[in-house]
Amino acid sequence: MSTVPPEISHQIRFYAGKTNSFGSIRVRVCIGNSEWATSLFPDTKSGCYFLPVKAVIRRAESLAVGDRITVDLTTG
């Protein structure tokens, strides 16, 4: 999982609108050449969202623990 920075988490919370009962938000994600649908999950302790990144995506994009990545998110 990757943590969405606080300032971006706040913007997502403000603009996303509808969430499910757990507070998650459906999104389309693009990292490098990989794109998929998932949800952002809230962490009440940090106030940020977590983005799960599938193992197949981590392998395809050569991602390792601690890497900083650029992510394109689209809600809806």
C-alpha atoms as a PDB file:
ATOM      1  CA  MET A   1       0.000   0.000   0.000  1.00  0.00           C
ATOM      2  CA  SER A   2       1.035   3.545  -0.614  1.00  0.00           C
ATOM      3  CA  THR A   3      -0.008   6.460   1.566  1.00  0.00           C
ATOM      4  CA  VAL A   4      -1.541   9.455  -0.168  1.00  0.00           C
ATOM      5  CA  PRO A   5       0.031  12.661   1.238  1.00  0.00           C
ATOM      6  CA  PRO A   6      -2.145  14.632   3.725  1.00  0.00           C
ATOM      7  CA  GLU A   7      -2.753  17.654   1.465  1.00  0.00           C
ATOM      8  CA  ILE A   8      -3.882  15.418  -1.411  1.00  0.00           C
ATOM      9  CA  SER A   9      -5.979  13.238   0.937  1.00  0.00           C
ATOM     10  CA  HIS A  10      -7.778  16.404   2.048  1.00  0.00           C
ATOM     11  CA  GLN A  11      -8.470  17.409  -1.568  1.00  0.00           C
ATOM     12  CA  ILE A  12      -9.737  13.919  -2.396  1.00  0.00           C
ATOM     13  CA  ARG A  13     -12.046  13.946   0.618  1.00  0.00           C
ATOM     14  CA  PHE A  14     -13.368  17.370  -0.402  1.00  0.00           C
ATOM     15  CA  TYR A  15     -13.947  16.633  -4.105  1.00  0.00           C
ATOM     16  CA  ALA A  16     -14.783  12.927  -4.106  1.00  0.00           C
ATOM     17  CA  GLY A  17     -18.187  13.279  -2.528  1.00  0.00           C
ATOM     18  CA  LYS A  18     -19.786   9.858  -2.217  1.00  0.00           C
ATOM     19  CA  THR A  19     -17.993   7.153  -0.231  1.00  0.00           C
ATOM     20  CA  ASN A  20     -19.148   3.717   0.841  1.00  0.00           C
ATOM     21  CA  SER A  21     -19.930   2.801   4.455  1.00  0.00           C
ATOM     22  CA  PHE A  22     -16.225   2.257   5.222  1.00  0.00           C
ATOM     23  CA  GLY A  23     -15.311   5.673   3.800  1.00  0.00           C
ATOM     24  CA  SER A  24     -13.459   4.216   0.824  1.00  0.00           C
ATOM     25  CA  ILE A  25     -13.549   5.944  -2.555  1.00  0.00           C
ATOM     26  CA  ARG A  26     -13.621   4.148  -5.922  1.00  0.00           C
ATOM     27  CA  VAL A  27     -10.808   5.343  -8.204  1.00  0.00           C
ATOM     28  CA  ARG A  28      -8.987   4.585 -11.451  1.00  0.00           C
ATOM     29  CA  VAL A  29      -5.245   4.559 -10.955  1.00  0.00           C
ATOM     30  CA  CYS A  30      -2.373   4.981 -13.393  1.00  0.00           C
ATOM     31  CA  ILE A  31       1.252   4.334 -12.436  1.00  0.00           C
ATOM     32  CA  GLY A  32       3.654   4.335 -15.358  1.00  0.00           C
ATOM     33  CA  ASN A  33       2.075   2.193 -18.088  1.00  0.00           C
ATOM     34  CA  SER A  34      -0.231   0.345 -15.661  1.00  0.00           C
ATOM     35  CA  GLU A  35      -3.868   1.296 -15.076  1.00  0.00           C
ATOM     36  CA  TRP A  36      -6.532  -0.361 -12.911  1.00  0.00           C
ATOM     37  CA  ALA A  37      -9.641   0.234 -10.793  1.00  0.00           C
ATOM     38  CA  THR A  38      -9.448   0.032  -7.007  1.00  0.00           C
ATOM     39  CA  SER A  39     -10.459   1.999  -3.916  1.00  0.00           C
ATOM     40  CA  LEU A  40      -8.685   4.429  -1.646  1.00  0.00           C
ATOM     41  CA  PHE A  41      -9.118   3.453   1.996  1.00  0.00           C
ATOM     42  CA  PRO A  42      -9.148   5.994   4.839  1.00  0.00           C
ATOM     43  CA  ASP A  43      -6.799   5.754   7.803  1.00  0.00           C
ATOM     44  CA  THR A  44      -8.479   7.581  10.658  1.00  0.00           C
ATOM     45  CA  LYS A  45      -5.245   7.671  12.654  1.00  0.00           C
ATOM     46  CA  SER A  46      -3.230   9.618  10.053  1.00  0.00           C
ATOM     47  CA  GLY A  47      -6.156  11.281   8.264  1.00  0.00           C
ATOM     48  CA  CYS A  48      -4.715  10.081   4.946  1.00  0.00           C
ATOM     49  CA  TYR A  49      -5.853   7.539   2.390  1.00  0.00           C
ATOM     50  CA  PHE A  50      -4.098   4.293   1.542  1.00  0.00           C
ATOM     51  CA  LEU A  51      -3.784   3.134  -2.048  1.00  0.00           C
ATOM     52  CA  PRO A  52      -3.405  -0.628  -2.477  1.00  0.00           C
ATOM     53  CA  VAL A  53      -0.987  -1.445  -5.295  1.00  0.00           C
ATOM     54  CA  LYS A  54      -1.344  -4.986  -6.639  1.00  0.00           C
ATOM     55  CA  ALA A  55       1.743  -7.218  -6.774  1.00  0.00           C
ATOM     56  CA  VAL A  56       1.376  -7.541 -10.551  1.00  0.00           C
ATOM     57  CA  ILE A  57       1.550  -3.734 -10.845  1.00  0.00           C
ATOM     58  CA  ARG A  58       4.550  -3.505  -8.503  1.00  0.00           C
ATOM     59  CA  ARG A  59       6.380  -6.066 -10.639  1.00  0.00           C
ATOM     60  CA  ALA A  60       5.368  -4.474 -13.959  1.00  0.00           C
ATOM     61  CA  GLU A  61       6.556  -1.037 -12.797  1.00  0.00           C
ATOM     62  CA  SER A  62       9.620  -2.344 -10.884  1.00  0.00           C
ATOM     63  CA  LEU A  63       8.434  -0.822  -7.598  1.00  0.00           C
ATOM     64  CA  ALA A  64      10.065  -1.606  -4.266  1.00  0.00           C
ATOM     65  CA  VAL A  65       9.270  -0.740  -0.655  1.00  0.00           C
ATOM     66  CA  GLY A  66      10.169   2.884   0.011  1.00  0.00           C
ATOM     67  CA  ASP A  67       9.999   4.018  -3.628  1.00  0.00           C
ATOM     68  CA  ARG A  68       8.363   7.390  -4.234  1.00  0.00           C
ATOM     69  CA  ILE A  69       5.973   7.163  -7.146  1.00  0.00           C
ATOM     70  CA  THR A  70       3.807   9.439  -9.253  1.00  0.00           C
ATOM     71  CA  VAL A  71       0.187   8.334  -9.366  1.00  0.00           C
ATOM     72  CA  ASP A  72      -2.677   9.621 -11.499  1.00  0.00           C
ATOM     73  CA  LEU A  73      -6.048   9.180  -9.737  1.00  0.00           C
ATOM     74  CA  THR A  74      -9.492   9.630 -11.193  1.00  0.00           C
ATOM     75  CA  THR A  75     -12.540   9.338  -8.940  1.00  0.00           C
ATOM     76  CA  GLY A  76     -15.918   8.124  -9.990  1.00  0.00           C
END
